[in-house]
C-alpha atoms as a PDB file:
ATOM      1  CA  UNK A   1     241.696  43.246  87.022  1.00  0.00           C
ATOM      2  CA  UNK A   2     241.108  39.802  89.171  1.00  0.00           C
ATOM      3  CA  UNK A   3     241.575  40.245  93.017  1.00  0.00           C
ATOM      4  CA  UNK A   4     244.383  38.811  94.498  1.00  0.00           C
ATOM      5  CA  UNK A   5     246.041  37.620  90.864  1.00  0.00           C
ATOM      6  CA  UNK A   6     248.933  39.196  89.925  1.00  0.00           C
ATOM      7  CA  UNK A   7     248.327  41.352  86.402  1.00  0.00           C
ATOM      8  CA  UNK A   8     251.145  39.609  84.873  1.00  0.00           C
ATOM      9  CA  UNK A   9     248.995  36.314  85.407  1.00  0.00           C
ATOM     10  CA  UNK A  10     245.914  37.665  83.822  1.00  0.00           C
ATOM     11  CA  UNK A  11     244.764  37.304  80.561  1.00  0.00           C
ATOM     12  CA  UNK A  12     247.266  34.592  79.753  1.00  0.00           C
ATOM     13  CA  UNK A  13     244.795  32.210  77.804  1.00  0.00           C
ATOM     14  CA  UNK A  14     244.654  30.123  81.121  1.00  0.00           C
ATOM     15  CA  UNK A  15     241.590  29.355  81.899  1.00  0.00           C
ATOM     16  CA  UNK A  16     241.374  30.612  85.686  1.00  0.00           C
ATOM     17  CA  UNK A  17     238.657  29.191  88.098  1.00  0.00           C
ATOM     18  CA  UNK A  18     235.930  31.291  89.514  1.00  0.00           C
ATOM     19  CA  UNK A  19     233.420  30.398  92.757  1.00  0.00           C
ATOM     20  CA  UNK A  20     230.077  31.963  92.657  1.00  0.00           C
ATOM     21  CA  UNK A  21     228.289  32.088  95.867  1.00  0.00           C
ATOM     22  CA  UNK A  22     224.899  33.510  95.535  1.00  0.00           C
ATOM     23  CA  UNK A  23     221.378  33.438  97.629  1.00  0.00           C
ATOM     24  CA  UNK A  24     218.303  34.253  95.836  1.00  0.00           C
ATOM     25  CA  UNK A  25     216.193  37.903  97.181  1.00  0.00           C
ATOM     26  CA  UNK A  26     213.388  35.673  99.042  1.00  0.00           C
ATOM     27  CA  UNK A  27     210.882  37.762  97.244  1.00  0.00           C
ATOM     28  CA  UNK A  28     212.162  36.863  93.267  1.00  0.00           C
ATOM     29  CA  UNK A  29     212.154  32.975  93.815  1.00  0.00           C
ATOM     30  CA  UNK A  30     209.471  32.789  91.402  1.00  0.00           C
ATOM     31  CA  UNK A  31     211.384  35.050  88.953  1.00  0.00           C
ATOM     32  CA  UNK A  32     214.746  32.561  89.179  1.00  0.00           C
ATOM     33  CA  UNK A  33     212.568  29.527  88.511  1.00  0.00           C
ATOM     34  CA  UNK A  34     211.175  31.278  85.398  1.00  0.00           C
ATOM     35  CA  UNK A  35     214.292  32.233  83.982  1.00  0.00           C
ATOM     36  CA  UNK A  36     216.191  28.789  85.031  1.00  0.00           C
ATOM     37  CA  UNK A  37     213.339  27.301  82.949  1.00  0.00           C
ATOM     38  CA  UNK A  38     213.340  29.730  80.041  1.00  0.00           C
ATOM     39  CA  UNK A  39     216.595  31.576  79.230  1.00  0.00           C
ATOM     40  CA  UNK A  40     219.744  30.928  81.522  1.00  0.00           C
ATOM     41  CA  UNK A  41     222.423  33.130  80.363  1.00  0.00           C
ATOM     42  CA  UNK A  42     225.029  31.308  78.190  1.00  0.00           C
ATOM     43  CA  UNK A  43     227.871  33.557  78.036  1.00  0.00           C
ATOM     44  CA  UNK A  44     230.529  32.876  75.351  1.00  0.00           C
ATOM     45  CA  UNK A  45     234.058  31.548  76.529  1.00  0.00           C
ATOM     46  CA  UNK A  46     232.493  30.994  80.141  1.00  0.00           C
ATOM     47  CA  UNK A  47     231.940  27.216  81.127  1.00  0.00           C
ATOM     48  CA  UNK A  48     229.914  26.932  84.435  1.00  0.00           C
ATOM     49  CA  UNK A  49     228.170  24.110  86.956  1.00  0.00           C
ATOM     50  CA  UNK A  50     225.823  25.149  89.187  1.00  0.00           C
ATOM     51  CA  UNK A  51     224.782  23.339  92.114  1.00  0.00           C
ATOM     52  CA  UNK A  52     221.816  24.399  94.630  1.00  0.00           C
ATOM     53  CA  UNK A  53     221.200  23.866  98.309  1.00  0.00           C
ATOM     54  CA  UNK A  54     217.870  22.145  98.514  1.00  0.00           C
ATOM     55  CA  UNK A  55     215.500  24.201 100.138  1.00  0.00           C
ATOM     56  CA  UNK A  56     217.430  27.306 101.274  1.00  0.00           C
ATOM     57  CA  UNK A  57     217.473  29.125  97.814  1.00  0.00           C
ATOM     58  CA  UNK A  58     221.258  30.157  98.164  1.00  0.00           C
ATOM     59  CA  UNK A  59     223.707  27.820  96.127  1.00  0.00           C
ATOM     60  CA  UNK A  60     227.213  28.453  94.021  1.00  0.00           C
ATOM     61  CA  UNK A  61     228.732  27.863  90.837  1.00  0.00           C
ATOM     62  CA  UNK A  62     231.944  26.888  89.864  1.00  0.00           C
ATOM     63  CA  UNK A  63     233.432  28.864  86.427  1.00  0.00           C
ATOM     64  CA  UNK A  64     236.200  28.595  84.402  1.00  0.00           C
ATOM     65  CA  UNK A  65     237.276  31.190  81.907  1.00  0.00           C
ATOM     66  CA  UNK A  66     240.587  32.979  80.359  1.00  0.00           C
ATOM     67  CA  UNK A  67     238.207  36.029  80.404  1.00  0.00           C
ATOM     68  CA  UNK A  68     237.772  38.130  83.836  1.00  0.00           C
ATOM     69  CA  UNK A  69     235.012  40.238  81.668  1.00  0.00           C
ATOM     70  CA  UNK A  70     233.250  37.456  80.310  1.00  0.00           C
ATOM     71  CA  UNK A  71     232.814  36.080  83.907  1.00  0.00           C
ATOM     72  CA  UNK A  72     231.456  39.384  85.117  1.00  0.00           C
ATOM     73  CA  UNK A  73     229.016  39.338  82.401  1.00  0.00           C
ATOM     74  CA  UNK A  74     227.528  35.785  83.578  1.00  0.00           C
ATOM     75  CA  UNK A  75     227.424  37.350  86.956  1.00  0.00           C
ATOM     76  CA  UNK A  76     225.547  40.567  86.338  1.00  0.00           C
ATOM     77  CA  UNK A  77     223.175  38.715  84.132  1.00  0.00           C
ATOM     78  CA  UNK A  78     221.706  37.559  87.656  1.00  0.00           C
ATOM     79  CA  UNK A  79     222.470  40.646  89.601  1.00  0.00           C
ATOM     80  CA  UNK A  80     218.781  41.438  89.384  1.00  0.00           C
ATOM     81  CA  UNK A  81     217.375  38.309  91.217  1.00  0.00           C
ATOM     82  CA  UNK A  82     220.157  37.171  93.526  1.00  0.00           C
ATOM     83  CA  UNK A  83     222.882  38.455  95.727  1.00  0.00           C
ATOM     84  CA  UNK A  84     226.354  37.269  94.747  1.00  0.00           C
ATOM     85  CA  UNK A  85     229.792  37.039  95.361  1.00  0.00           C
ATOM     86  CA  UNK A  86     232.566  35.990  93.182  1.00  0.00           C
ATOM     87  CA  UNK A  87     235.987  35.122  93.727  1.00  0.00           C
ATOM     88  CA  UNK A  88     239.237  33.270  91.732  1.00  0.00           C
ATOM     89  CA  UNK A  89     240.388  30.152  93.293  1.00  0.00           C
ATOM     90  CA  UNK A  90     242.615  27.402  92.584  1.00  0.00           C
ATOM     91  CA  UNK A  91     242.875  23.504  93.310  1.00  0.00           C
ATOM     92  CA  UNK A  92     244.738  22.241  96.348  1.00  0.00           C
ATOM     93  CA  UNK A  93     248.130  21.134  93.882  1.00  0.00           C
ATOM     94  CA  UNK A  94     248.029  24.429  92.975  1.00  0.00           C
ATOM     95  CA  UNK A  95     248.354  26.408  96.330  1.00  0.00           C
ATOM     96  CA  UNK A  96     250.970  23.759  97.183  1.00  0.00           C
ATOM     97  CA  UNK A  97     252.781  24.989  94.656  1.00  0.00           C
ATOM     98  CA  UNK A  98     252.846  28.486  95.356  1.00  0.00           C
ATOM     99  CA  UNK A  99     253.690  27.844  99.285  1.00  0.00           C
ATOM    100  CA  UNK A 100     256.741  25.933  98.688  1.00  0.00           C
END
Protein backbone atom coordinates (compact mmCIF):
# COMPACT_ATOMS: atom_id res chain seq x y z
CA UNK A 1 0.00 0.00 0.00
CA UNK A 2 1.22 3.50 -0.84
CA UNK A 3 0.94 5.82 2.15
CA UNK A 4 -1.81 8.39 1.72
CA UNK A 5 -3.19 6.81 -1.45
CA UNK A 6 -6.53 5.01 -1.31
CA UNK A 7 -6.39 1.33 -2.30
CA UNK A 8 -8.86 2.03 -5.12
CA UNK A 9 -6.29 4.34 -6.76
CA UNK A 10 -3.34 1.98 -6.47
CA UNK A 11 -2.19 -0.31 -9.28
CA UNK A 12 -4.59 1.42 -11.67
CA UNK A 13 -1.96 1.41 -14.41
CA UNK A 14 -1.41 5.15 -14.01
CA UNK A 15 2.19 6.15 -13.49
CA UNK A 16 2.51 7.62 -10.01
CA UNK A 17 5.27 10.01 -9.00
CA UNK A 18 7.50 9.56 -5.97
CA UNK A 19 10.23 11.63 -4.39
CA UNK A 20 13.12 9.97 -2.62
CA UNK A 21 15.39 12.13 -0.49
CA UNK A 22 18.69 10.63 0.55
CA UNK A 23 21.85 11.32 2.50
CA UNK A 24 25.04 9.37 1.94
CA UNK A 25 26.42 7.94 5.15
CA UNK A 26 29.92 9.52 5.43
CA UNK A 27 31.67 6.16 5.72
CA UNK A 28 30.07 5.09 2.42
CA UNK A 29 31.08 8.01 0.18
CA UNK A 30 33.63 6.06 -1.85
CA UNK A 31 31.31 3.07 -2.20
CA UNK A 32 28.55 5.35 -3.54
CA UNK A 33 30.93 6.89 -6.07
CA UNK A 34 32.00 3.43 -7.22
CA UNK A 35 28.40 2.21 -7.54
CA UNK A 36 27.41 5.30 -9.54
CA UNK A 37 30.30 4.72 -11.93
CA UNK A 38 30.07 0.93 -12.22
CA UNK A 39 26.61 -0.51 -11.88
CA UNK A 40 23.80 1.82 -10.93
CA UNK A 41 20.54 -0.04 -10.26
CA UNK A 42 18.18 -0.19 -13.22
CA UNK A 43 14.76 -1.44 -12.17
CA UNK A 44 12.29 -2.39 -14.94
CA UNK A 45 9.16 -0.24 -14.90
CA UNK A 46 10.79 2.69 -13.11
CA UNK A 47 11.76 6.01 -14.68
CA UNK A 48 14.13 7.97 -12.43
CA UNK A 49 15.89 11.32 -12.52
CA UNK A 50 18.41 11.92 -9.74
CA UNK A 51 19.71 15.26 -8.45
CA UNK A 52 22.73 15.84 -6.19
CA UNK A 53 23.38 18.72 -3.80
CA UNK A 54 26.93 19.75 -4.62
CA UNK A 55 29.33 18.89 -1.80
CA UNK A 56 26.75 17.84 0.82
CA UNK A 57 26.25 14.12 0.24
CA UNK A 58 22.52 14.72 -0.08
CA UNK A 59 20.08 14.69 -2.96
CA UNK A 60 16.74 13.57 -4.26
CA UNK A 61 15.26 11.44 -6.99
CA UNK A 62 12.04 11.92 -8.90
CA UNK A 63 10.61 8.54 -9.80
CA UNK A 64 7.67 7.56 -12.01
CA UNK A 65 6.14 4.10 -11.99
CA UNK A 66 2.84 2.27 -11.98
CA UNK A 67 4.37 -0.37 -9.71
CA UNK A 68 4.99 0.51 -6.02
CA UNK A 69 6.94 -2.74 -5.60
CA UNK A 70 9.41 -1.66 -8.30
CA UNK A 71 9.83 1.71 -6.56
CA UNK A 72 10.59 -0.12 -3.33
CA UNK A 73 13.17 -2.30 -5.10
CA UNK A 74 14.90 0.82 -6.41
CA UNK A 75 15.05 2.35 -2.93
CA UNK A 76 16.34 -0.89 -1.41
CA UNK A 77 19.10 -1.08 -4.02
CA UNK A 78 20.79 1.84 -2.23
CA UNK A 79 19.70 1.21 1.36
CA UNK A 80 23.05 -0.32 2.30
CA UNK A 81 24.82 2.99 1.60
CA UNK A 82 22.37 5.85 2.19
CA UNK A 83 19.63 6.93 4.54
CA UNK A 84 16.52 7.58 2.44
CA UNK A 85 12.83 8.37 2.53
CA UNK A 86 10.38 7.79 -0.34
CA UNK A 87 6.95 9.45 -0.54
CA UNK A 88 4.30 9.76 -3.27
CA UNK A 89 4.02 13.29 -4.72
CA UNK A 90 1.60 15.12 -6.99
CA UNK A 91 1.85 18.22 -9.17
CA UNK A 92 0.10 21.52 -8.36
CA UNK A 93 -2.77 20.89 -10.80
CA UNK A 94 -3.53 17.51 -9.23
CA UNK A 95 -3.59 18.81 -5.67
CA UNK A 96 -5.65 21.85 -6.73
CA UNK A 97 -8.25 19.53 -8.30
CA UNK A 98 -8.36 17.45 -5.12
CA UNK A 99 -8.95 20.53 -2.97
CA UNK A 100 -11.97 21.81 -4.95
